[in-house]
Amino acid sequence: MLDHLTAKNHALEQELQIERGKVLLAARSQQQEAETNALRSRVEDMETEIKVLREQNQKLKNDAETSLKKIKNLEVWKRRMRSMMDGDMEDEIE
């Protein structure tokens, strides 16, 4: 009878350890799931931020191209004006 009770006690202790292990695994699983969800949320935020930055970058590139075109156009006008002024000065000297 004592052997039977000892074996039963040992089996119950093993079952208790298994259940404790299951509880620990469930808690870890929930923690990992929460961390995974937090990381997914952060990734989504970063993707949104990247999209906004790309749009801003494209706008800045477009603005820079427009400014360069204006500068080139002004340089052409500057050369024309200088040429006209130089031409007028030569006419006055002669």
PDB file of N, CA and C in Angstrom:
ATOM      1  N   MET A   1       0.830  -1.189   0.000  1.00  0.00           N
ATOM      2  CA  MET A   1       0.000   0.000   0.000  1.00  0.00           C
ATOM      3  C   MET A   1       0.883   1.265   0.000  1.00  0.00           C
ATOM      4  N   LEU A   2       1.968   1.203   0.802  1.00  0.00           N
ATOM      5  CA  LEU A   2       2.879   2.339   0.857  1.00  0.00           C
ATOM      6  C   LEU A   2       3.533   2.552  -0.501  1.00  0.00           C
ATOM      7  N   ASP A   3       3.930   1.484  -1.157  1.00  0.00           N
ATOM      8  CA  ASP A   3       4.525   1.601  -2.493  1.00  0.00           C
ATOM      9  C   ASP A   3       3.533   2.219  -3.474  1.00  0.00           C
ATOM     10  N   HIS A   4       2.283   1.795  -3.352  1.00  0.00           N
ATOM     11  CA  HIS A   4       1.239   2.328  -4.240  1.00  0.00           C
ATOM     12  C   HIS A   4       1.062   3.826  -3.998  1.00  0.00           C
ATOM     13  N   LEU A   5       1.029   4.256  -2.742  1.00  0.00           N
ATOM     14  CA  LEU A   5       0.868   5.670  -2.416  1.00  0.00           C
ATOM     15  C   LEU A   5       2.091   6.480  -2.831  1.00  0.00           C
ATOM     16  N   THR A   6       3.276   5.889  -2.662  1.00  0.00           N
ATOM     17  CA  THR A   6       4.499   6.565  -3.077  1.00  0.00           C
ATOM     18  C   THR A   6       4.512   6.759  -4.589  1.00  0.00           C
ATOM     19  N   ALA A   7       4.128   5.730  -5.323  1.00  0.00           N
ATOM     20  CA  ALA A   7       4.068   5.829  -6.786  1.00  0.00           C
ATOM     21  C   ALA A   7       3.030   6.852  -7.203  1.00  0.00           C
ATOM     22  N   LYS A   8       1.870   6.842  -6.520  1.00  0.00           N
ATOM     23  CA  LYS A   8       0.804   7.804  -6.841  1.00  0.00           C
ATOM     24  C   LYS A   8       1.285   9.222  -6.555  1.00  0.00           C
ATOM     25  N   ASN A   9       1.985   9.414  -5.413  1.00  0.00           N
ATOM     26  CA  ASN A   9       2.525  10.727  -5.050  1.00  0.00           C
ATOM     27  C   ASN A   9       3.527  11.191  -6.104  1.00  0.00           C
ATOM     28  N   HIS A  10       4.396  10.296  -6.525  1.00  0.00           N
ATOM     29  CA  HIS A  10       5.399  10.629  -7.537  1.00  0.00           C
ATOM     30  C   HIS A  10       4.725  11.018  -8.865  1.00  0.00           C
ATOM     31  N   ALA A  11       3.704  10.285  -9.243  1.00  0.00           N
ATOM     32  CA  ALA A  11       2.972  10.591 -10.481  1.00  0.00           C
ATOM     33  C   ALA A  11       2.293  11.940 -10.384  1.00  0.00           C
ATOM     34  N   LEU A  12       1.722  12.245  -9.214  1.00  0.00           N
ATOM     35  CA  LEU A  12       1.057  13.540  -9.025  1.00  0.00           C
ATOM     36  C   LEU A  12       2.073  14.687  -9.037  1.00  0.00           C
ATOM     37  N   GLU A  13       3.252  14.461  -8.460  1.00  0.00           N
ATOM     38  CA  GLU A  13       4.299  15.488  -8.494  1.00  0.00           C
ATOM     39  C   GLU A  13       4.760  15.745  -9.931  1.00  0.00           C
ATOM     40  N   GLN A  14       4.891  14.689 -10.704  1.00  0.00           N
ATOM     41  CA  GLN A  14       5.274  14.854 -12.112  1.00  0.00           C
ATOM     42  C   GLN A  14       4.190  15.601 -12.877  1.00  0.00           C
ATOM     43  N   GLU A  15       2.951  15.252 -12.625  1.00  0.00           N
ATOM     44  CA  GLU A  15       1.835  15.939 -13.295  1.00  0.00           C
ATOM     45  C   GLU A  15       1.814  17.410 -12.910  1.00  0.00           C
ATOM     46  N   LEU A  16       2.097  17.705 -11.614  1.00  0.00           N
ATOM     47  CA  LEU A  16       2.152  19.091 -11.148  1.00  0.00           C
ATOM     48  C   LEU A  16       3.272  19.848 -11.858  1.00  0.00           C
ATOM     49  N   GLN A  17       4.432  19.231 -11.998  1.00  0.00           N
ATOM     50  CA  GLN A  17       5.547  19.866 -12.707  1.00  0.00           C
ATOM     51  C   GLN A  17       5.182  20.125 -14.168  1.00  0.00           C
ATOM     52  N   ILE A  18       4.509  19.177 -14.791  1.00  0.00           N
ATOM     53  CA  ILE A  18       4.084  19.357 -16.187  1.00  0.00           C
ATOM     54  C   ILE A  18       3.123  20.535 -16.292  1.00  0.00           C
ATOM     55  N   GLU A  19       2.166  20.612 -15.385  1.00  0.00           N
ATOM     56  CA  GLU A  19       1.199  21.719 -15.414  1.00  0.00           C
ATOM     57  C   GLU A  19       1.883  23.066 -15.169  1.00  0.00           C
ATOM     58  N   ARG A  20       2.843  23.098 -14.242  1.00  0.00           N
ATOM     59  CA  ARG A  20       3.595  24.330 -14.005  1.00  0.00           C
ATOM     60  C   ARG A  20       4.372  24.729 -15.268  1.00  0.00           C
ATOM     61  N   GLY A  21       4.954  23.731 -15.928  1.00  0.00           N
ATOM     62  CA  GLY A  21       5.654  23.999 -17.184  1.00  0.00           C
ATOM     63  C   GLY A  21       4.727  24.551 -18.242  1.00  0.00           C
ATOM     64  N   LYS A  22       3.511  24.001 -18.320  1.00  0.00           N
ATOM     65  CA  LYS A  22       2.527  24.504 -19.284  1.00  0.00           C
ATOM     66  C   LYS A  22       2.161  25.952 -18.995  1.00  0.00           C
ATOM     67  N   VAL A  23       2.006  26.261 -17.708  1.00  0.00           N
ATOM     68  CA  VAL A  23       1.672  27.634 -17.316  1.00  0.00           C
ATOM     69  C   VAL A  23       2.805  28.579 -17.706  1.00  0.00           C
ATOM     70  N   LEU A  24       4.041  28.172 -17.440  1.00  0.00           N
ATOM     71  CA  LEU A  24       5.197  29.004 -17.804  1.00  0.00           C
ATOM     72  C   LEU A  24       5.276  29.196 -19.313  1.00  0.00           C
ATOM     73  N   LEU A  25       5.050  28.103 -20.058  1.00  0.00           N
ATOM     74  CA  LEU A  25       5.085  28.213 -21.514  1.00  0.00           C
ATOM     75  C   LEU A  25       3.982  29.121 -22.035  1.00  0.00           C
ATOM     76  N   ALA A  26       2.790  29.015 -21.437  1.00  0.00           N
ATOM     77  CA  ALA A  26       1.681  29.872 -21.857  1.00  0.00           C
ATOM     78  C   ALA A  26       2.006  31.337 -21.580  1.00  0.00           C
ATOM     79  N   ALA A  27       2.602  31.601 -20.410  1.00  0.00           N
ATOM     80  CA  ALA A  27       2.961  32.981 -20.069  1.00  0.00           C
ATOM     81  C   ALA A  27       4.022  33.507 -21.029  1.00  0.00           C
ATOM     82  N   ARG A  28       5.025  32.693 -21.325  1.00  0.00           N
ATOM     83  CA  ARG A  28       6.064  33.105 -22.277  1.00  0.00           C
ATOM     84  C   ARG A  28       5.471  33.330 -23.662  1.00  0.00           C
ATOM     85  N   SER A  29       4.566  32.463 -24.034  1.00  0.00           N
ATOM     86  CA  SER A  29       3.935  32.589 -25.349  1.00  0.00           C
ATOM     87  C   SER A  29       3.153  33.897 -25.444  1.00  0.00           C
ATOM     88  N   GLN A  30       2.422  34.223 -24.377  1.00  0.00           N
ATOM     89  CA  GLN A  30       1.666  35.482 -24.363  1.00  0.00           C
ATOM     90  C   GLN A  30       2.612  36.674 -24.410  1.00  0.00           C
ATOM     91  N   GLN A  31       3.708  36.573 -23.677  1.00  0.00           N
ATOM     92  CA  GLN A  31       4.685  37.663 -23.674  1.00  0.00           C
ATOM     93  C   GLN A  31       5.297  37.833 -25.066  1.00  0.00           C
ATOM     94  N   GLN A  32       5.658  36.727 -25.689  1.00  0.00           N
ATOM     95  CA  GLN A  32       6.237  36.794 -27.028  1.00  0.00           C
ATOM     96  C   GLN A  32       5.224  37.323 -28.036  1.00  0.00           C
ATOM     97  N   GLU A  33       3.979  36.937 -27.879  1.00  0.00           N
ATOM     98  CA  GLU A  33       2.934  37.440 -28.785  1.00  0.00           C
ATOM     99  C   GLU A  33       2.766  38.945 -28.617  1.00  0.00           C
ATOM    100  N   ALA A  34       2.795  39.413 -27.366  1.00  0.00           N
ATOM    101  CA  ALA A  34       2.692  40.852 -27.108  1.00  0.00           C
ATOM    102  C   ALA A  34       3.884  41.592 -27.710  1.00  0.00           C
ATOM    103  N   GLU A  35       5.081  41.038 -27.560  1.00  0.00           N
ATOM    104  CA  GLU A  35       6.277  41.658 -28.136  1.00  0.00           C
ATOM    105  C   GLU A  35       6.209  41.668 -29.658  1.00  0.00           C
ATOM    106  N   THR A  36       5.724  40.567 -30.219  1.00  0.00           N
ATOM    107  CA  THR A  36       5.585  40.490 -31.675  1.00  0.00           C
ATOM    108  C   THR A  36       4.595  41.537 -32.178  1.00  0.00           C
ATOM    109  N   ASN A  37       3.484  41.684 -31.481  1.00  0.00           N
ATOM    110  CA  ASN A  37       2.498  42.687 -31.881  1.00  0.00           C
ATOM    111  C   ASN A  37       3.062  44.097 -31.770  1.00  0.00           C
ATOM    112  N   ALA A  38       3.831  44.340 -30.715  1.00  0.00           N
ATOM    113  CA  ALA A  38       4.451  45.656 -30.554  1.00  0.00           C
ATOM    114  C   ALA A  38       5.442  45.922 -31.683  1.00  0.00           C
ATOM    115  N   LEU A  39       6.209  44.897 -32.050  1.00  0.00           N
ATOM    116  CA  LEU A  39       7.168  45.061 -33.148  1.00  0.00           C
ATOM    117  C   LEU A  39       6.452  45.283 -34.474  1.00  0.00           C
ATOM    118  N   ARG A  40       5.379  44.562 -34.695  1.00  0.00           N
ATOM    119  CA  ARG A  40       4.608  44.764 -35.931  1.00  0.00           C
ATOM    120  C   ARG A  40       4.072  46.182 -36.011  1.00  0.00           C
ATOM    121  N   SER A  41       3.572  46.659 -34.891  1.00  0.00           N
ATOM    122  CA  SER A  41       3.058  48.025 -34.846  1.00  0.00           C
ATOM    123  C   SER A  41       4.168  49.030 -35.145  1.00  0.00           C
ATOM    124  N   ARG A  42       5.329  48.793 -34.577  1.00  0.00           N
ATOM    125  CA  ARG A  42       6.473  49.691 -34.821  1.00  0.00           C
ATOM    126  C   ARG A  42       6.892  49.660 -36.286  1.00  0.00           C
ATOM    127  N   VAL A  43       6.870  48.472 -36.869  1.00  0.00           N
ATOM    128  CA  VAL A  43       7.220  48.343 -38.291  1.00  0.00           C
ATOM    129  C   VAL A  43       6.222  49.124 -39.144  1.00  0.00           C
ATOM    130  N   GLU A  44       4.950  49.007 -38.820  1.00  0.00           N
ATOM    131  CA  GLU A  44       3.930  49.755 -39.572  1.00  0.00           C
ATOM    132  C   GLU A  44       4.164  51.255 -39.452  1.00  0.00           C
ATOM    133  N   ASP A  45       4.478  51.712 -38.220  1.00  0.00           N
ATOM    134  CA  ASP A  45       4.765  53.133 -38.014  1.00  0.00           C
ATOM    135  C   ASP A  45       5.971  53.567 -38.843  1.00  0.00           C
ATOM    136  N   MET A  46       7.007  52.726 -38.853  1.00  0.00           N
ATOM    137  CA  MET A  46       8.214  53.063 -39.609  1.00  0.00           C
ATOM    138  C   MET A  46       7.934  53.068 -41.108  1.00  0.00           C
ATOM    139  N   GLU A  47       7.119  52.145 -41.581  1.00  0.00           N
ATOM    140  CA  GLU A  47       6.780  52.122 -43.003  1.00  0.00           C
ATOM    141  C   GLU A  47       6.014  53.380 -43.387  1.00  0.00           C
ATOM    142  N   THR A  48       5.103  53.814 -42.509  1.00  0.00           N
ATOM    143  CA  THR A  48       4.365  55.056 -42.760  1.00  0.00           C
ATOM    144  C   THR A  48       5.315  56.243 -42.788  1.00  0.00           C
ATOM    145  N   GLU A  49       6.247  56.273 -41.848  1.00  0.00           N
ATOM    146  CA  GLU A  49       7.224  57.356 -41.787  1.00  0.00           C
ATOM    147  C   GLU A  49       8.110  57.359 -43.034  1.00  0.00           C
ATOM    148  N   ILE A  50       8.518  56.180 -43.473  1.00  0.00           N
ATOM    149  CA  ILE A  50       9.331  56.069 -44.688  1.00  0.00           C
ATOM    150  C   ILE A  50       8.559  56.591 -45.889  1.00  0.00           C
ATOM    151  N   LYS A  51       7.283  56.248 -45.972  1.00  0.00           N
ATOM    152  CA  LYS A  51       6.456  56.723 -47.090  1.00  0.00           C
ATOM    153  C   LYS A  51       6.386  58.245 -47.096  1.00  0.00           C
ATOM    154  N   VAL A  52       6.171  58.826 -45.929  1.00  0.00           N
ATOM    155  CA  VAL A  52       6.098  60.289 -45.824  1.00  0.00           C
ATOM    156  C   VAL A  52       7.441  60.909 -46.215  1.00  0.00           C
ATOM    157  N   LEU A  53       8.532  60.327 -45.727  1.00  0.00           N
ATOM    158  CA  LEU A  53       9.863  60.862 -46.051  1.00  0.00           C
ATOM    159  C   LEU A  53      10.168  60.741 -47.540  1.00  0.00           C
ATOM    160  N   ARG A  54       9.749  59.650 -48.151  1.00  0.00           N
ATOM    161  CA  ARG A  54       9.961  59.504 -49.597  1.00  0.00           C
ATOM    162  C   ARG A  54       9.193  60.565 -50.373  1.00  0.00           C
ATOM    163  N   GLU A  55       7.953  60.823 -49.943  1.00  0.00           N
ATOM    164  CA  GLU A  55       7.162  61.863 -50.603  1.00  0.00           C
ATOM    165  C   GLU A  55       7.815  63.231 -50.442  1.00  0.00           C
ATOM    166  N   GLN A  56       8.298  63.508 -49.217  1.00  0.00           N
ATOM    167  CA  GLN A  56       8.979  64.782 -48.985  1.00  0.00           C
ATOM    168  C   GLN A  56      10.259  64.867 -49.815  1.00  0.00           C
ATOM    169  N   ASN A  57      10.986  63.779 -49.898  1.00  0.00           N
ATOM    170  CA  ASN A  57      12.216  63.742 -50.677  1.00  0.00           C
ATOM    171  C   ASN A  57      11.928  64.021 -52.150  1.00  0.00           C
ATOM    172  N   GLN A  58      10.877  63.397 -52.679  1.00  0.00           N
ATOM    173  CA  GLN A  58      10.527  63.622 -54.076  1.00  0.00           C
ATOM    174  C   GLN A  58      10.138  65.074 -54.308  1.00  0.00           C
ATOM    175  N   LYS A  59       9.385  65.650 -53.367  1.00  0.00           N
ATOM    176  CA  LYS A  59       9.002  67.060 -53.502  1.00  0.00           C
ATOM    177  C   LYS A  59      10.236  67.949 -53.488  1.00  0.00           C
ATOM    178  N   LEU A  60      11.175  67.655 -52.587  1.00  0.00           N
ATOM    179  CA  LEU A  60      12.403  68.448 -52.532  1.00  0.00           C
ATOM    180  C   LEU A  60      13.213  68.311 -53.815  1.00  0.00           C
ATOM    181  N   LYS A  61      13.260  67.095 -54.375  1.00  0.00           N
ATOM    182  CA  LYS A  61      13.962  66.905 -55.645  1.00  0.00           C
ATOM    183  C   LYS A  61      13.299  67.727 -56.747  1.00  0.00           C
ATOM    184  N   ASN A  62      11.974  67.679 -56.786  1.00  0.00           N
ATOM    185  CA  ASN A  62      11.251  68.454 -57.794  1.00  0.00           C
ATOM    186  C   ASN A  62      11.504  69.950 -57.621  1.00  0.00           C
ATOM    187  N   ASP A  63      11.469  70.411 -56.358  1.00  0.00           N
ATOM    188  CA  ASP A  63      11.732  71.831 -56.091  1.00  0.00           C
ATOM    189  C   ASP A  63      13.155  72.204 -56.504  1.00  0.00           C
ATOM    190  N   ALA A  64      14.104  71.319 -56.226  1.00  0.00           N
ATOM    191  CA  ALA A  64      15.497  71.586 -56.598  1.00  0.00           C
ATOM    192  C   ALA A  64      15.644  71.661 -58.113  1.00  0.00           C
ATOM    193  N   GLU A  65      14.992  70.752 -58.829  1.00  0.00           N
ATOM    194  CA  GLU A  65      15.057  70.778 -60.298  1.00  0.00           C
ATOM    195  C   GLU A  65      14.445  72.063 -60.839  1.00  0.00           C
ATOM    196  N   THR A  66      13.323  72.470 -60.262  1.00  0.00           N
ATOM    197  CA  THR A  66      12.681  73.720 -60.685  1.00  0.00           C
ATOM    198  C   THR A  66      13.601  74.908 -60.427  1.00  0.00           C
ATOM    199  N   SER A  67      14.236  74.911 -59.254  1.00  0.00           N
ATOM    200  CA  SER A  67      15.155  76.006 -58.922  1.00  0.00           C
ATOM    201  C   SER A  67      16.350  76.028 -59.863  1.00  0.00           C
ATOM    202  N   LEU A  68      16.880  74.864 -60.191  1.00  0.00           N
ATOM    203  CA  LEU A  68      18.011  74.812 -61.124  1.00  0.00           C
ATOM    204  C   LEU A  68      17.616  75.338 -62.499  1.00  0.00           C
ATOM    205  N   LYS A  69      16.427  75.003 -62.948  1.00  0.00           N
ATOM    206  CA  LYS A  69      15.957  75.512 -64.239  1.00  0.00           C
ATOM    207  C   LYS A  69      15.837  77.031 -64.201  1.00  0.00           C
ATOM    208  N   LYS A  70      15.318  77.555 -63.086  1.00  0.00           N
ATOM    209  CA  LYS A  70      15.193  79.011 -62.957  1.00  0.00           C
ATOM    210  C   LYS A  70      16.567  79.672 -62.949  1.00  0.00           C
ATOM    211  N   ILE A  71      17.499  79.052 -62.243  1.00  0.00           N
ATOM    212  CA  ILE A  71      18.864  79.604 -62.181  1.00  0.00           C
ATOM    213  C   ILE A  71      19.492  79.603 -63.568  1.00  0.00           C
ATOM    214  N   LYS A  72      19.329  78.511 -64.291  1.00  0.00           N
ATOM    215  CA  LYS A  72      19.886  78.454 -65.647  1.00  0.00           C
ATOM    216  C   LYS A  72      19.252  79.518 -66.536  1.00  0.00           C
ATOM    217  N   ASN A  73      17.954  79.686 -66.402  1.00  0.00           N
ATOM    218  CA  ASN A  73      17.258  80.698 -67.191  1.00  0.00           C
ATOM    219  C   ASN A  73      17.763  82.099 -66.837  1.00  0.00           C
ATOM    220  N   LEU A  74      17.968  82.351 -65.546  1.00  0.00           N
ATOM    221  CA  LEU A  74      18.496  83.649 -65.123  1.00  0.00           C
ATOM    222  C   LEU A  74      19.924  83.866 -65.620  1.00  0.00           C
ATOM    223  N   GLU A  75      20.719  82.790 -65.645  1.00  0.00           N
ATOM    224  CA  GLU A  75      22.081  82.892 -66.173  1.00  0.00           C
ATOM    225  C   GLU A  75      22.052  83.276 -67.656  1.00  0.00           C
ATOM    226  N   VAL A  76      21.122  82.686 -68.405  1.00  0.00           N
ATOM    227  CA  VAL A  76      20.987  83.029 -69.825  1.00  0.00           C
ATOM    228  C   VAL A  76      20.632  84.505 -69.962  1.00  0.00           C
ATOM    229  N   TRP A  77      19.671  84.974 -69.169  1.00  0.00           N
ATOM    230  CA  TRP A  77      19.284  86.376 -69.237  1.00  0.00           C
ATOM    231  C   TRP A  77      20.436  87.288 -68.826  1.00  0.00           C
ATOM    232  N   LYS A  78      21.174  86.852 -67.814  1.00  0.00           N
ATOM    233  CA  LYS A  78      22.315  87.647 -67.356  1.00  0.00           C
ATOM    234  C   LYS A  78      23.334  87.793 -68.483  1.00  0.00           C
ATOM    235  N   ARG A  79      23.627  86.674 -69.175  1.00  0.00           N
ATOM    236  CA  ARG A  79      24.576  86.739 -70.290  1.00  0.00           C
ATOM    237  C   ARG A  79      24.044  87.646 -71.407  1.00  0.00           C
ATOM    238  N   ARG A  80      22.755  87.547 -71.697  1.00  0.00           N
ATOM    239  CA  ARG A  80      22.164  88.405 -72.733  1.00  0.00           C
ATOM    240  C   ARG A  80      22.286  89.879 -72.359  1.00  0.00           C
ATOM    241  N   MET A  81      21.973  90.163 -71.094  1.00  0.00           N
ATOM    242  CA  MET A  81      22.045  91.560 -70.654  1.00  0.00           C
ATOM    243  C   MET A  81      23.485  92.072 -70.711  1.00  0.00           C
ATOM    244  N   ARG A  82      24.414  91.208 -70.258  1.00  0.00           N
ATOM    245  CA  ARG A  82      25.818  91.605 -70.292  1.00  0.00           C
ATOM    246  C   ARG A  82      26.263  91.837 -71.741  1.00  0.00           C
ATOM    247  N   SER A  83      25.825  90.945 -72.617  1.00  0.00           N
ATOM    248  CA  SER A  83      26.174  91.067 -74.028  1.00  0.00           C
ATOM    249  C   SER A  83      25.604  92.357 -74.604  1.00  0.00           C
ATOM    250  N   MET A  84      24.360  92.637 -74.231  1.00  0.00           N
ATOM    251  CA  MET A  84      23.737  93.869 -74.727  1.00  0.00           C
ATOM    252  C   MET A  84      24.469  95.098 -74.186  1.00  0.00           C
ATOM    253  N   MET A  85      24.831  95.036 -72.908  1.00  0.00           N
ATOM    254  CA  MET A  85      25.520  96.178 -72.313  1.00  0.00           C
ATOM    255  C   MET A  85      26.911  96.338 -72.923  1.00  0.00           C
ATOM    256  N   ASP A  86      27.606  95.223 -73.117  1.00  0.00           N
ATOM    257  CA  ASP A  86      28.927  95.285 -73.729  1.00  0.00           C
ATOM    258  C   ASP A  86      28.820  95.795 -75.167  1.00  0.00           C
ATOM    259  N   GLY A  87      27.805  95.381 -75.871  1.00  0.00           N
ATOM    260  CA  GLY A  87      27.598  95.830 -77.247  1.00  0.00           C
ATOM    261  C   GLY A  87      27.290  97.307 -77.297  1.00  0.00           C
ATOM    262  N   ASP A  88      26.498  97.789 -76.374  1.00  0.00           N
ATOM    263  CA  ASP A  88      26.149  99.211 -76.331  1.00  0.00           C
ATOM    264  C   ASP A  88      27.364 100.055 -75.983  1.00  0.00           C
ATOM    265  N   MET A  89      28.203  99.530 -75.100  1.00  0.00           N
ATOM    266  CA  MET A  89      29.395 100.284 -74.716  1.00  0.00           C
ATOM    267  C   MET A  89      30.360 100.374 -75.891  1.00  0.00           C
ATOM    268  N   GLU A  90      30.460  99.335 -76.683  1.00  0.00           N
ATOM    269  CA  GLU A  90      31.342  99.363 -77.838  1.00  0.00           C
ATOM    270  C   GLU A  90      30.835 100.357 -78.859  1.00  0.00           C
ATOM    271  N   ASP A  91      29.474 100.425 -78.998  1.00  0.00           N
ATOM    272  CA  ASP A  91      28.906 101.399 -79.929  1.00  0.00           C
ATOM    273  C   ASP A  91      29.214 102.818 -79.466  1.00  0.00           C
ATOM    274  N   GLU A  92      29.182 103.091 -78.187  1.00  0.00           N
ATOM    275  CA  GLU A  92      29.440 104.432 -77.677  1.00  0.00           C
ATOM    276  C   GLU A  92      30.910 104.809 -77.828  1.00  0.00           C
ATOM    277  N   ILE A  93      31.812 103.813 -77.688  1.00  0.00           N
ATOM    278  CA  ILE A  93      33.244 104.083 -77.793  1.00  0.00           C
ATOM    279  C   ILE A  93      33.585 104.422 -79.244  1.00  0.00           C
ATOM    280  N   GLU A  94      32.981 103.787 -80.181  1.00  0.00           N
ATOM    281  CA  GLU A  94      33.299 104.023 -81.591  1.00  0.00           C
ATOM    282  C   GLU A  94      32.733 105.317 -81.996  1.00  0.00           C
TER     283      GLU A  94
END
